[in-house]
Amino acid sequence: MIYPLAITQCDWKVYNQALEDAIGQRATYKIDSKNLSIKKFGTFFHTFDHKHGEILDEALHHGMFTVMITEIFQGTILQLTQSWHCAYSFDRMKDSEHYYVIISGTIANWMQFLLLNCTSDRSKGIRQIGNDVYNLLDAVGFGPAFSFTRYVLQDGTFELCKGK
């Protein structure tokens, strides 16, 4: 099971006032015409400067996302946490051979995680965890920010590739 534990939230009142004081425009001026909800975390990143309507990669370093994954084997934890920058801690679940792991990273880190683990060369179990993390991030407004192409595989999981 994957549980979203924490995500950076924007204080829109402070952000709007600070930007209005600095440049004479509210922070939300870039999102007003897009009909985006400020209740979705991903909307914050639409306030940064854009190239052709896409969120700049640099903007994805301004937010953190933390998940807890339960009922996982220690070897799977090592596969998930190697080759990308993240903070993690894990311990054995009571009365079980399984572990739980708490993983935190910037949104840019999670983008790297998805590209590494949502590929056909990873095991179905690892890819499923990646798919579940993607679905959580998509639910809070990040699907469009990632600019991924999604390919459904025969086993029901999907592969992600950068670019549309």
C-alpha atoms as a PDB file:
ATOM      1  CA  MET A   1       0.000   0.000   0.000  1.00  0.00           C
ATOM      2  CA  ILE A   2       1.140   3.543  -0.740  1.00  0.00           C
ATOM      3  CA  TYR A   3       0.039   6.423   1.440  1.00  0.00           C
ATOM      4  CA  PRO A   4       0.675  10.088   0.628  1.00  0.00           C
ATOM      5  CA  LEU A   5       1.932  11.617   3.885  1.00  0.00           C
ATOM      6  CA  ALA A   6       2.989  15.164   3.133  1.00  0.00           C
ATOM      7  CA  ILE A   7       3.091  17.651   0.299  1.00  0.00           C
ATOM      8  CA  THR A   8       4.239  21.260   0.231  1.00  0.00           C
ATOM      9  CA  GLN A   9       1.286  23.629   0.204  1.00  0.00           C
ATOM     10  CA  CYS A  10       1.319  27.186  -1.089  1.00  0.00           C
ATOM     11  CA  ASP A  11       0.082  29.999   1.135  1.00  0.00           C
ATOM     12  CA  TRP A  12      -1.768  31.788  -1.663  1.00  0.00           C
ATOM     13  CA  LYS A  13      -2.633  34.853   0.425  1.00  0.00           C
ATOM     14  CA  VAL A  14       1.017  35.510   1.286  1.00  0.00           C
ATOM     15  CA  TYR A  15       2.283  34.585  -2.201  1.00  0.00           C
ATOM     16  CA  ASN A  16      -0.241  36.856  -3.965  1.00  0.00           C
ATOM     17  CA  GLN A  17       0.511  39.795  -1.673  1.00  0.00           C
ATOM     18  CA  ALA A  18       4.298  39.372  -1.862  1.00  0.00           C
ATOM     19  CA  LEU A  19       4.304  39.179  -5.659  1.00  0.00           C
ATOM     20  CA  GLU A  20       1.876  42.069  -5.960  1.00  0.00           C
ATOM     21  CA  ASP A  21       4.189  44.159  -3.761  1.00  0.00           C
ATOM     22  CA  ALA A  22       7.234  43.094  -5.813  1.00  0.00           C
ATOM     23  CA  ILE A  23       5.954  43.306  -9.423  1.00  0.00           C
ATOM     24  CA  GLY A  24       2.466  44.743  -9.220  1.00  0.00           C
ATOM     25  CA  GLN A  25       0.703  41.471 -10.173  1.00  0.00           C
ATOM     26  CA  ARG A  26      -0.822  38.698  -8.114  1.00  0.00           C
ATOM     27  CA  ALA A  27       0.825  35.273  -8.230  1.00  0.00           C
ATOM     28  CA  THR A  28      -2.353  33.816  -9.678  1.00  0.00           C
ATOM     29  CA  TYR A  29      -2.377  36.038 -12.796  1.00  0.00           C
ATOM     30  CA  LYS A  30      -0.813  33.223 -14.847  1.00  0.00           C
ATOM     31  CA  ILE A  31      -3.374  30.637 -13.755  1.00  0.00           C
ATOM     32  CA  ASP A  32      -6.556  32.697 -13.751  1.00  0.00           C
ATOM     33  CA  SER A  33      -7.146  32.173 -17.482  1.00  0.00           C
ATOM     34  CA  LYS A  34      -6.402  28.438 -17.250  1.00  0.00           C
ATOM     35  CA  ASN A  35      -9.285  27.692 -14.864  1.00  0.00           C
ATOM     36  CA  LEU A  36      -6.961  25.839 -12.452  1.00  0.00           C
ATOM     37  CA  SER A  37      -7.911  25.228  -8.824  1.00  0.00           C
ATOM     38  CA  ILE A  38      -5.540  26.646  -6.229  1.00  0.00           C
ATOM     39  CA  LYS A  39      -6.575  23.719  -4.033  1.00  0.00           C
ATOM     40  CA  LYS A  40      -4.476  21.404  -6.215  1.00  0.00           C
ATOM     41  CA  PHE A  41      -0.808  21.367  -5.297  1.00  0.00           C
ATOM     42  CA  GLY A  42       0.394  21.284  -8.893  1.00  0.00           C
ATOM     43  CA  THR A  43      -1.242  24.633  -9.621  1.00  0.00           C
ATOM     44  CA  PHE A  44       1.525  26.411  -7.664  1.00  0.00           C
ATOM     45  CA  PHE A  45       4.033  25.468 -10.356  1.00  0.00           C
ATOM     46  CA  HIS A  46       1.931  27.097 -13.074  1.00  0.00           C
ATOM     47  CA  THR A  47       2.787  30.478 -11.533  1.00  0.00           C
ATOM     48  CA  PHE A  48       6.452  30.213 -12.559  1.00  0.00           C
ATOM     49  CA  ASP A  49       7.802  31.442 -15.882  1.00  0.00           C
ATOM     50  CA  HIS A  50       6.994  29.023 -18.675  1.00  0.00           C
ATOM     51  CA  LYS A  51       8.399  27.949 -22.011  1.00  0.00           C
ATOM     52  CA  HIS A  52       5.562  27.426 -24.506  1.00  0.00           C
ATOM     53  CA  GLY A  53       3.059  26.712 -21.722  1.00  0.00           C
ATOM     54  CA  GLU A  54       5.142  23.998 -20.058  1.00  0.00           C
ATOM     55  CA  ILE A  55       6.354  24.211 -16.478  1.00  0.00           C
ATOM     56  CA  LEU A  56      10.093  24.771 -16.264  1.00  0.00           C
ATOM     57  CA  ASP A  57      12.054  21.855 -14.791  1.00  0.00           C
ATOM     58  CA  GLU A  58      13.691  24.244 -12.297  1.00  0.00           C
ATOM     59  CA  ALA A  59      10.282  25.035 -10.791  1.00  0.00           C
ATOM     60  CA  LEU A  60       9.852  21.386  -9.776  1.00  0.00           C
ATOM     61  CA  HIS A  61      12.535  21.818  -7.093  1.00  0.00           C
ATOM     62  CA  HIS A  62      10.231  24.108  -5.076  1.00  0.00           C
ATOM     63  CA  GLY A  63       8.010  21.427  -3.575  1.00  0.00           C
ATOM     64  CA  MET A  64       8.336  18.247  -1.531  1.00  0.00           C
ATOM     65  CA  PHE A  65       6.260  15.074  -1.611  1.00  0.00           C
ATOM     66  CA  THR A  66       6.463  12.263   0.968  1.00  0.00           C
ATOM     67  CA  VAL A  67       4.917   8.807   0.765  1.00  0.00           C
ATOM     68  CA  MET A  68       4.863   5.729   2.972  1.00  0.00           C
ATOM     69  CA  ILE A  69       4.916   2.326   1.315  1.00  0.00           C
ATOM     70  CA  THR A  70       3.979  -0.665   3.476  1.00  0.00           C
ATOM     71  CA  GLU A  71       4.317  -4.429   3.098  1.00  0.00           C
ATOM     72  CA  ILE A  72       7.483  -4.213   1.061  1.00  0.00           C
ATOM     73  CA  PHE A  73      10.599  -6.389   1.046  1.00  0.00           C
ATOM     74  CA  GLN A  74      13.976  -4.911   1.991  1.00  0.00           C
ATOM     75  CA  GLY A  75      15.408  -5.713  -1.471  1.00  0.00           C
ATOM     76  CA  THR A  76      12.567  -3.801  -3.115  1.00  0.00           C
ATOM     77  CA  ILE A  77      13.359  -0.772  -0.946  1.00  0.00           C
ATOM     78  CA  LEU A  78      16.940  -0.847  -2.193  1.00  0.00           C
ATOM     79  CA  GLN A  79      15.774  -1.114  -5.821  1.00  0.00           C
ATOM     80  CA  LEU A  80      13.407   1.842  -5.355  1.00  0.00           C
ATOM     81  CA  THR A  81      15.863   4.145  -3.624  1.00  0.00           C
ATOM     82  CA  GLN A  82      19.032   3.549  -5.638  1.00  0.00           C
ATOM     83  CA  SER A  83      19.952   5.743  -8.601  1.00  0.00           C
ATOM     84  CA  TRP A  84      17.948   8.816  -7.626  1.00  0.00           C
ATOM     85  CA  HIS A  85      18.223  11.468  -4.925  1.00  0.00           C
ATOM     86  CA  CYS A  86      15.738  11.061  -2.137  1.00  0.00           C
ATOM     87  CA  ALA A  87      15.518  10.908   1.631  1.00  0.00           C
ATOM     88  CA  TYR A  88      14.202   7.662   3.006  1.00  0.00           C
ATOM     89  CA  SER A  89      13.961   5.619   6.168  1.00  0.00           C
ATOM     90  CA  PHE A  90      12.612   2.138   6.710  1.00  0.00           C
ATOM     91  CA  ASP A  91      11.968  -0.435   9.387  1.00  0.00           C
ATOM     92  CA  ARG A  92      10.452  -3.894   9.748  1.00  0.00           C
ATOM     93  CA  MET A  93       6.690  -4.084  10.206  1.00  0.00           C
ATOM     94  CA  LYS A  94       5.633  -5.830  13.402  1.00  0.00           C
ATOM     95  CA  ASP A  95       5.128  -9.589  13.190  1.00  0.00           C
ATOM     96  CA  SER A  96       6.165  -9.681   9.540  1.00  0.00           C
ATOM     97  CA  GLU A  97       9.025 -10.219   7.108  1.00  0.00           C
ATOM     98  CA  HIS A  98       7.859  -7.080   5.329  1.00  0.00           C
ATOM     99  CA  TYR A  99       9.083  -3.540   5.828  1.00  0.00           C
ATOM    100  CA  TYR A 100       7.678  -0.083   5.464  1.00  0.00           C
ATOM    101  CA  VAL A 101       9.561   2.800   3.911  1.00  0.00           C
ATOM    102  CA  ILE A 102       9.004   6.541   4.024  1.00  0.00           C
ATOM    103  CA  ILE A 103      10.407   8.335   0.978  1.00  0.00           C
ATOM    104  CA  SER A 104      10.666  12.103   0.485  1.00  0.00           C
ATOM    105  CA  GLY A 105      11.914  14.129  -2.435  1.00  0.00           C
ATOM    106  CA  THR A 106      11.347  17.259  -4.442  1.00  0.00           C
ATOM    107  CA  ILE A 107       8.892  17.016  -7.306  1.00  0.00           C
ATOM    108  CA  ALA A 108      11.936  17.018  -9.620  1.00  0.00           C
ATOM    109  CA  ASN A 109      13.286  14.017  -7.672  1.00  0.00           C
ATOM    110  CA  TRP A 110       9.970  12.201  -8.064  1.00  0.00           C
ATOM    111  CA  MET A 111      10.024  12.941 -11.799  1.00  0.00           C
ATOM    112  CA  GLN A 112      13.408  11.183 -11.954  1.00  0.00           C
ATOM    113  CA  PHE A 113      11.986   8.321  -9.849  1.00  0.00           C
ATOM    114  CA  LEU A 114       9.095   7.853 -12.281  1.00  0.00           C
ATOM    115  CA  LEU A 115      11.352   7.837 -15.340  1.00  0.00           C
ATOM    116  CA  LEU A 116      13.630   5.240 -13.702  1.00  0.00           C
ATOM    117  CA  ASN A 117      10.926   2.940 -12.368  1.00  0.00           C
ATOM    118  CA  CYS A 118       8.052   3.159 -14.851  1.00  0.00           C
ATOM    119  CA  THR A 119       9.886   1.342 -17.631  1.00  0.00           C
ATOM    120  CA  SER A 120       9.431  -2.048 -19.232  1.00  0.00           C
ATOM    121  CA  ASP A 121      12.877  -3.184 -18.024  1.00  0.00           C
ATOM    122  CA  ARG A 122      11.841  -2.917 -14.338  1.00  0.00           C
ATOM    123  CA  SER A 123       9.935  -5.699 -12.607  1.00  0.00           C
ATOM    124  CA  LYS A 124       6.147  -5.501 -12.589  1.00  0.00           C
ATOM    125  CA  GLY A 125       6.183  -4.905  -8.817  1.00  0.00           C
ATOM    126  CA  ILE A 126       8.584  -1.958  -9.044  1.00  0.00           C
ATOM    127  CA  ARG A 127       6.717  -0.549 -12.059  1.00  0.00           C
ATOM    128  CA  GLN A 128       3.394  -0.855 -10.163  1.00  0.00           C
ATOM    129  CA  ILE A 129       4.799   1.180  -7.273  1.00  0.00           C
ATOM    130  CA  GLY A 130       5.963   3.781  -9.800  1.00  0.00           C
ATOM    131  CA  ASN A 131       2.520   3.771 -11.425  1.00  0.00           C
ATOM    132  CA  ASP A 132       0.840   4.257  -8.037  1.00  0.00           C
ATOM    133  CA  VAL A 133       3.145   7.195  -7.198  1.00  0.00           C
ATOM    134  CA  TYR A 134       2.410   8.742 -10.618  1.00  0.00           C
ATOM    135  CA  ASN A 135      -1.336   8.379 -10.016  1.00  0.00           C
ATOM    136  CA  LEU A 136      -0.999  10.092  -6.608  1.00  0.00           C
ATOM    137  CA  LEU A 137       0.947  12.989  -8.133  1.00  0.00           C
ATOM    138  CA  ASP A 138      -1.522  13.222 -11.019  1.00  0.00           C
ATOM    139  CA  ALA A 139      -4.410  13.431  -8.531  1.00  0.00           C
ATOM    140  CA  VAL A 140      -2.873  16.541  -6.918  1.00  0.00           C
ATOM    141  CA  GLY A 141      -2.374  18.258 -10.258  1.00  0.00           C
ATOM    142  CA  PHE A 142       0.986  17.116 -11.588  1.00  0.00           C
ATOM    143  CA  GLY A 143       0.054  14.969 -14.578  1.00  0.00           C
ATOM    144  CA  PRO A 144       0.324  17.855 -17.062  1.00  0.00           C
ATOM    145  CA  ALA A 145       3.507  19.199 -15.432  1.00  0.00           C
ATOM    146  CA  PHE A 146       5.471  16.044 -16.132  1.00  0.00           C
ATOM    147  CA  SER A 147       4.936  16.016 -19.910  1.00  0.00           C
ATOM    148  CA  PHE A 148       5.129  12.212 -20.001  1.00  0.00           C
ATOM    149  CA  THR A 149       3.852   9.885 -22.661  1.00  0.00           C
ATOM    150  CA  ARG A 150       2.149   6.872 -21.115  1.00  0.00           C
ATOM    151  CA  TYR A 151       2.240   3.413 -22.729  1.00  0.00           C
ATOM    152  CA  VAL A 152       0.042   0.673 -21.263  1.00  0.00           C
ATOM    153  CA  LEU A 153       1.819  -2.682 -21.098  1.00  0.00           C
ATOM    154  CA  GLN A 154       0.290  -6.160 -21.392  1.00  0.00           C
ATOM    155  CA  ASP A 155       0.525  -6.748 -17.633  1.00  0.00           C
ATOM    156  CA  GLY A 156      -1.770  -3.762 -16.945  1.00  0.00           C
ATOM    157  CA  THR A 157       0.971  -1.425 -15.710  1.00  0.00           C
ATOM    158  CA  PHE A 158       2.255   1.491 -17.752  1.00  0.00           C
ATOM    159  CA  GLU A 159       5.564   2.821 -18.923  1.00  0.00           C
ATOM    160  CA  LEU A 160       6.366   6.543 -18.864  1.00  0.00           C
ATOM    161  CA  CYS A 161       8.605   8.344 -21.351  1.00  0.00           C
ATOM    162  CA  LYS A 162       9.564  12.010 -21.241  1.00  0.00           C
ATOM    163  CA  GLY A 163       7.861  14.101 -23.906  1.00  0.00           C
ATOM    164  CA  LYS A 164       4.400  14.053 -25.390  1.00  0.00           C
END
